[in-house]
Amino acid sequence: MTEVLCINGTFAADVLEFYAVHGVQIPEKDKIYTVRNVIRHTNFKTGFLLNEIQNPEVPIGTAFGLISREPTFDIKRFTTLLGDQLEEKELIKEFETSKEPEPKTPLF
């Protein structure tokens, strides 16, 4: 299991409002979390799903249209427990070999 430390629990007001409408919980700064999955998005950003925070799926616009999916949290919001930057490629490789990809649910 990969544990990470949240170093940035600050979100823009519009994001917090969207999350509040959909009942989304967010990570808190200085708390330790266990990575449940690593997701590489179509916008080339990488996000975490965390064991300690299991959120409902929300509508998300993508290059492929509107889908419903559990929100992820940007890898840059976290470090190793020692405060080192996370190695994105290594995490992606680790989770690609050990986990099935998260399902994408289209909205109709």
N, C-alpha and C. Protein backbone atom coordinates (compact mmCIF):
# COMPACT_ATOMS: atom_id res chain seq x y z
N MET A 1 0.83 -1.19 0.00
CA MET A 1 0.00 0.00 0.00
C MET A 1 0.88 1.24 0.00
N THR A 2 0.50 2.19 -0.81
CA THR A 2 1.25 3.43 -0.89
C THR A 2 0.58 4.49 -0.02
N GLU A 3 1.31 4.97 0.98
CA GLU A 3 0.81 6.03 1.83
C GLU A 3 1.41 7.35 1.38
N VAL A 4 0.59 8.41 1.45
CA VAL A 4 1.02 9.73 1.03
C VAL A 4 0.58 10.75 2.06
N LEU A 5 1.26 11.89 2.07
CA LEU A 5 0.95 12.99 2.98
C LEU A 5 0.35 14.13 2.17
N CYS A 6 -0.81 14.61 2.57
CA CYS A 6 -1.44 15.75 1.89
C CYS A 6 -0.71 17.03 2.30
N ILE A 7 -0.24 17.79 1.31
CA ILE A 7 0.45 19.05 1.59
C ILE A 7 -0.34 20.26 1.10
N ASN A 8 -1.47 20.00 0.43
CA ASN A 8 -2.30 21.09 -0.08
C ASN A 8 -3.76 20.69 -0.02
N GLY A 9 -4.46 21.19 0.96
CA GLY A 9 -5.89 20.90 1.10
C GLY A 9 -6.75 22.09 0.72
N THR A 10 -6.17 23.05 -0.01
CA THR A 10 -6.88 24.25 -0.42
C THR A 10 -7.47 24.08 -1.82
N PHE A 11 -8.76 24.38 -1.95
CA PHE A 11 -9.44 24.28 -3.24
C PHE A 11 -10.10 25.61 -3.56
N ALA A 12 -10.23 25.93 -4.83
CA ALA A 12 -10.90 27.15 -5.27
C ALA A 12 -12.36 27.12 -4.82
N ALA A 13 -12.93 28.29 -4.61
CA ALA A 13 -14.31 28.41 -4.11
C ALA A 13 -15.30 27.71 -5.03
N ASP A 14 -15.13 27.84 -6.35
CA ASP A 14 -16.08 27.20 -7.27
C ASP A 14 -15.99 25.68 -7.20
N VAL A 15 -14.79 25.15 -6.97
CA VAL A 15 -14.62 23.71 -6.83
C VAL A 15 -15.27 23.23 -5.54
N LEU A 16 -15.05 23.97 -4.46
CA LEU A 16 -15.68 23.61 -3.18
C LEU A 16 -17.21 23.64 -3.29
N GLU A 17 -17.74 24.61 -4.01
CA GLU A 17 -19.19 24.70 -4.20
C GLU A 17 -19.71 23.49 -4.98
N PHE A 18 -19.01 23.13 -6.06
CA PHE A 18 -19.38 21.96 -6.86
C PHE A 18 -19.34 20.70 -6.00
N TYR A 19 -18.25 20.55 -5.23
CA TYR A 19 -18.12 19.38 -4.37
C TYR A 19 -19.22 19.33 -3.32
N ALA A 20 -19.58 20.47 -2.76
CA ALA A 20 -20.64 20.52 -1.75
C ALA A 20 -21.98 20.07 -2.32
N VAL A 21 -22.27 20.50 -3.54
CA VAL A 21 -23.53 20.12 -4.20
C VAL A 21 -23.60 18.60 -4.38
N HIS A 22 -22.45 17.98 -4.64
CA HIS A 22 -22.41 16.55 -4.94
C HIS A 22 -21.97 15.68 -3.75
N GLY A 23 -21.76 16.30 -2.59
CA GLY A 23 -21.40 15.53 -1.40
C GLY A 23 -19.99 14.96 -1.43
N VAL A 24 -19.06 15.68 -2.05
CA VAL A 24 -17.68 15.21 -2.19
C VAL A 24 -16.86 15.67 -0.99
N GLN A 25 -16.14 14.73 -0.39
CA GLN A 25 -15.20 15.04 0.69
C GLN A 25 -13.83 15.30 0.07
N ILE A 26 -13.04 16.14 0.72
CA ILE A 26 -11.71 16.48 0.19
C ILE A 26 -10.63 16.11 1.21
N PRO A 27 -9.40 15.90 0.72
CA PRO A 27 -8.31 15.60 1.65
C PRO A 27 -7.92 16.84 2.46
N GLU A 28 -7.41 16.60 3.65
CA GLU A 28 -6.99 17.68 4.54
C GLU A 28 -5.47 17.73 4.62
N LYS A 29 -4.95 18.95 4.64
CA LYS A 29 -3.51 19.16 4.74
C LYS A 29 -2.97 18.50 6.02
N ASP A 30 -1.80 17.91 5.89
CA ASP A 30 -1.05 17.26 6.98
C ASP A 30 -1.64 15.93 7.44
N LYS A 31 -2.59 15.39 6.69
CA LYS A 31 -3.11 14.06 7.01
C LYS A 31 -2.49 13.03 6.07
N ILE A 32 -2.37 11.82 6.58
CA ILE A 32 -1.82 10.71 5.79
C ILE A 32 -2.97 9.93 5.18
N TYR A 33 -2.81 9.58 3.90
CA TYR A 33 -3.82 8.82 3.17
C TYR A 33 -3.16 7.64 2.47
N THR A 34 -3.96 6.62 2.19
CA THR A 34 -3.52 5.45 1.44
C THR A 34 -4.10 5.53 0.04
N VAL A 35 -3.25 5.39 -0.96
CA VAL A 35 -3.68 5.48 -2.35
C VAL A 35 -4.44 4.21 -2.73
N ARG A 36 -5.67 4.39 -3.21
CA ARG A 36 -6.50 3.28 -3.67
C ARG A 36 -6.26 3.01 -5.15
N ASN A 37 -6.06 4.08 -5.91
CA ASN A 37 -5.80 3.93 -7.34
C ASN A 37 -5.18 5.22 -7.86
N VAL A 38 -4.45 5.10 -8.97
CA VAL A 38 -3.85 6.25 -9.65
C VAL A 38 -4.50 6.33 -11.02
N ILE A 39 -5.05 7.50 -11.34
CA ILE A 39 -5.78 7.68 -12.60
C ILE A 39 -5.07 8.73 -13.45
N ARG A 40 -4.75 8.37 -14.67
CA ARG A 40 -4.18 9.31 -15.65
C ARG A 40 -5.34 9.81 -16.49
N HIS A 41 -5.56 11.12 -16.50
CA HIS A 41 -6.70 11.70 -17.19
C HIS A 41 -6.37 12.11 -18.62
N THR A 42 -7.41 12.36 -19.41
CA THR A 42 -7.22 12.75 -20.81
C THR A 42 -6.55 14.12 -20.92
N ASN A 43 -6.56 14.93 -19.84
CA ASN A 43 -5.88 16.23 -19.86
C ASN A 43 -4.42 16.09 -19.41
N PHE A 44 -3.95 14.86 -19.29
CA PHE A 44 -2.57 14.52 -18.94
C PHE A 44 -2.23 14.79 -17.48
N LYS A 45 -3.22 15.07 -16.65
CA LYS A 45 -2.99 15.19 -15.22
C LYS A 45 -3.20 13.83 -14.57
N THR A 46 -2.57 13.64 -13.42
CA THR A 46 -2.69 12.38 -12.69
C THR A 46 -3.33 12.65 -11.34
N GLY A 47 -4.29 11.82 -10.98
CA GLY A 47 -4.97 12.00 -9.71
C GLY A 47 -5.04 10.70 -8.92
N PHE A 48 -5.25 10.87 -7.62
CA PHE A 48 -5.39 9.74 -6.71
C PHE A 48 -6.84 9.53 -6.31
N LEU A 49 -7.20 8.27 -6.14
CA LEU A 49 -8.37 7.89 -5.35
C LEU A 49 -7.79 7.38 -4.04
N LEU A 50 -8.40 7.76 -2.94
CA LEU A 50 -7.85 7.46 -1.61
C LEU A 50 -8.76 6.49 -0.85
N ASN A 51 -8.16 5.57 -0.12
CA ASN A 51 -8.95 4.62 0.67
C ASN A 51 -9.81 5.32 1.72
N GLU A 52 -9.27 6.35 2.32
CA GLU A 52 -9.96 7.02 3.42
C GLU A 52 -11.09 7.94 2.97
N ILE A 53 -11.11 8.28 1.69
CA ILE A 53 -12.16 9.14 1.14
C ILE A 53 -12.78 8.44 -0.07
N GLN A 54 -14.01 8.00 0.09
CA GLN A 54 -14.72 7.34 -1.02
C GLN A 54 -15.90 8.23 -1.36
N ASN A 55 -15.82 8.88 -2.50
CA ASN A 55 -16.82 9.85 -2.91
C ASN A 55 -17.78 9.30 -3.94
N PRO A 56 -18.95 9.94 -4.06
CA PRO A 56 -19.89 9.54 -5.11
C PRO A 56 -19.36 9.99 -6.48
N GLU A 57 -19.87 9.36 -7.51
CA GLU A 57 -19.54 9.81 -8.86
C GLU A 57 -20.21 11.16 -9.11
N VAL A 58 -19.51 12.02 -9.87
CA VAL A 58 -20.03 13.34 -10.22
C VAL A 58 -19.91 13.51 -11.73
N PRO A 59 -20.71 14.41 -12.33
CA PRO A 59 -20.59 14.64 -13.77
C PRO A 59 -19.30 15.41 -14.08
N ILE A 60 -18.55 14.88 -15.05
CA ILE A 60 -17.27 15.49 -15.44
C ILE A 60 -17.23 15.60 -16.95
N GLY A 61 -16.91 16.78 -17.45
CA GLY A 61 -16.74 16.98 -18.89
C GLY A 61 -15.36 16.53 -19.33
N THR A 62 -15.30 15.75 -20.39
CA THR A 62 -14.03 15.29 -20.95
C THR A 62 -14.02 15.56 -22.45
N ALA A 63 -12.90 15.26 -23.08
CA ALA A 63 -12.80 15.39 -24.53
C ALA A 63 -13.78 14.44 -25.23
N PHE A 64 -14.24 13.43 -24.50
CA PHE A 64 -15.14 12.43 -25.07
C PHE A 64 -16.60 12.69 -24.71
N GLY A 65 -16.86 13.81 -24.04
CA GLY A 65 -18.23 14.13 -23.63
C GLY A 65 -18.37 14.09 -22.12
N LEU A 66 -19.58 14.12 -21.66
CA LEU A 66 -19.87 14.14 -20.23
C LEU A 66 -19.93 12.71 -19.69
N ILE A 67 -19.14 12.46 -18.63
CA ILE A 67 -19.14 11.15 -17.98
C ILE A 67 -19.40 11.34 -16.49
N SER A 68 -19.64 10.27 -15.80
CA SER A 68 -19.82 10.31 -14.36
C SER A 68 -18.71 9.46 -13.75
N ARG A 69 -17.98 10.07 -12.79
CA ARG A 69 -16.86 9.35 -12.20
C ARG A 69 -16.52 9.94 -10.85
N GLU A 70 -15.95 9.12 -9.99
CA GLU A 70 -15.50 9.61 -8.69
C GLU A 70 -14.35 10.59 -8.90
N PRO A 71 -14.42 11.77 -8.27
CA PRO A 71 -13.32 12.72 -8.45
C PRO A 71 -12.02 12.21 -7.85
N THR A 72 -10.94 12.57 -8.51
CA THR A 72 -9.60 12.24 -8.01
C THR A 72 -8.96 13.52 -7.49
N PHE A 73 -7.84 13.36 -6.78
CA PHE A 73 -7.13 14.50 -6.23
C PHE A 73 -5.73 14.54 -6.82
N ASP A 74 -5.36 15.69 -7.35
CA ASP A 74 -4.10 15.88 -8.07
C ASP A 74 -2.91 15.36 -7.26
N ILE A 75 -2.07 14.61 -7.93
CA ILE A 75 -0.88 14.02 -7.31
C ILE A 75 0.01 15.09 -6.68
N LYS A 76 -0.05 16.31 -7.21
CA LYS A 76 0.80 17.40 -6.69
C LYS A 76 0.35 17.88 -5.31
N ARG A 77 -0.81 17.45 -4.86
CA ARG A 77 -1.29 17.80 -3.51
C ARG A 77 -0.65 16.92 -2.43
N PHE A 78 0.19 15.96 -2.83
CA PHE A 78 0.72 14.96 -1.90
C PHE A 78 2.23 14.79 -2.06
N THR A 79 2.85 14.30 -0.99
CA THR A 79 4.26 13.89 -1.02
C THR A 79 4.36 12.51 -0.39
N THR A 80 5.57 11.96 -0.40
CA THR A 80 5.82 10.75 0.38
C THR A 80 5.73 11.13 1.85
N LEU A 81 5.74 10.15 2.72
CA LEU A 81 5.69 10.42 4.16
C LEU A 81 6.93 11.16 4.65
N LEU A 82 8.00 11.09 3.87
CA LEU A 82 9.23 11.80 4.22
C LEU A 82 9.28 13.20 3.62
N GLY A 83 8.23 13.56 2.87
CA GLY A 83 8.18 14.89 2.27
C GLY A 83 8.78 14.99 0.89
N ASP A 84 9.13 13.86 0.30
CA ASP A 84 9.71 13.86 -1.05
C ASP A 84 8.62 13.89 -2.11
N GLN A 85 8.97 14.47 -3.26
CA GLN A 85 8.04 14.50 -4.38
C GLN A 85 7.75 13.08 -4.84
N LEU A 86 6.51 12.83 -5.21
CA LEU A 86 6.11 11.50 -5.67
C LEU A 86 6.57 11.28 -7.10
N GLU A 87 6.98 10.06 -7.40
CA GLU A 87 7.40 9.69 -8.74
C GLU A 87 6.19 9.20 -9.52
N GLU A 88 5.63 10.08 -10.31
CA GLU A 88 4.38 9.81 -11.03
C GLU A 88 4.45 8.55 -11.88
N LYS A 89 5.49 8.41 -12.68
CA LYS A 89 5.60 7.25 -13.57
C LYS A 89 5.65 5.94 -12.79
N GLU A 90 6.36 5.93 -11.68
CA GLU A 90 6.45 4.72 -10.86
C GLU A 90 5.10 4.36 -10.25
N LEU A 91 4.37 5.36 -9.76
CA LEU A 91 3.05 5.10 -9.18
C LEU A 91 2.08 4.58 -10.22
N ILE A 92 2.09 5.19 -11.40
CA ILE A 92 1.20 4.74 -12.47
C ILE A 92 1.52 3.29 -12.83
N LYS A 93 2.79 2.98 -12.98
CA LYS A 93 3.21 1.62 -13.32
C LYS A 93 2.78 0.63 -12.24
N GLU A 94 2.98 1.00 -10.97
CA GLU A 94 2.61 0.14 -9.85
C GLU A 94 1.12 -0.19 -9.86
N PHE A 95 0.30 0.82 -10.09
CA PHE A 95 -1.13 0.61 -10.03
C PHE A 95 -1.70 0.00 -11.30
N GLU A 96 -1.05 0.22 -12.45
CA GLU A 96 -1.51 -0.43 -13.68
C GLU A 96 -1.34 -1.93 -13.61
N THR A 97 -0.30 -2.38 -12.92
CA THR A 97 -0.04 -3.82 -12.84
C THR A 97 -0.81 -4.49 -11.72
N SER A 98 -1.31 -3.69 -10.75
CA SER A 98 -1.96 -4.31 -9.60
C SER A 98 -3.46 -4.07 -9.50
N LYS A 99 -4.00 -3.15 -10.29
CA LYS A 99 -5.41 -2.80 -10.16
C LYS A 99 -6.09 -2.77 -11.53
N GLU A 100 -7.39 -2.98 -11.51
CA GLU A 100 -8.18 -2.80 -12.71
C GLU A 100 -8.52 -1.32 -12.84
N PRO A 101 -8.66 -0.79 -14.06
CA PRO A 101 -9.01 0.63 -14.21
C PRO A 101 -10.41 0.91 -13.68
N GLU A 102 -10.59 2.15 -13.20
CA GLU A 102 -11.90 2.60 -12.72
C GLU A 102 -12.88 2.64 -13.89
N PRO A 103 -14.09 2.17 -13.70
CA PRO A 103 -15.07 2.19 -14.79
C PRO A 103 -15.52 3.61 -15.09
N LYS A 104 -15.83 3.85 -16.34
CA LYS A 104 -16.38 5.14 -16.76
C LYS A 104 -17.85 4.94 -17.07
N THR A 105 -18.69 5.71 -16.46
CA THR A 105 -20.12 5.59 -16.65
C THR A 105 -20.62 6.78 -17.47
N PRO A 106 -21.06 6.56 -18.72
CA PRO A 106 -21.53 7.69 -19.51
C PRO A 106 -22.86 8.22 -18.97
N LEU A 107 -23.05 9.52 -19.09
CA LEU A 107 -24.31 10.14 -18.73
C LEU A 107 -25.13 10.31 -20.00
N PHE A 108 -26.38 9.97 -19.94
CA PHE A 108 -27.23 10.09 -21.12
C PHE A 108 -28.20 11.22 -20.98
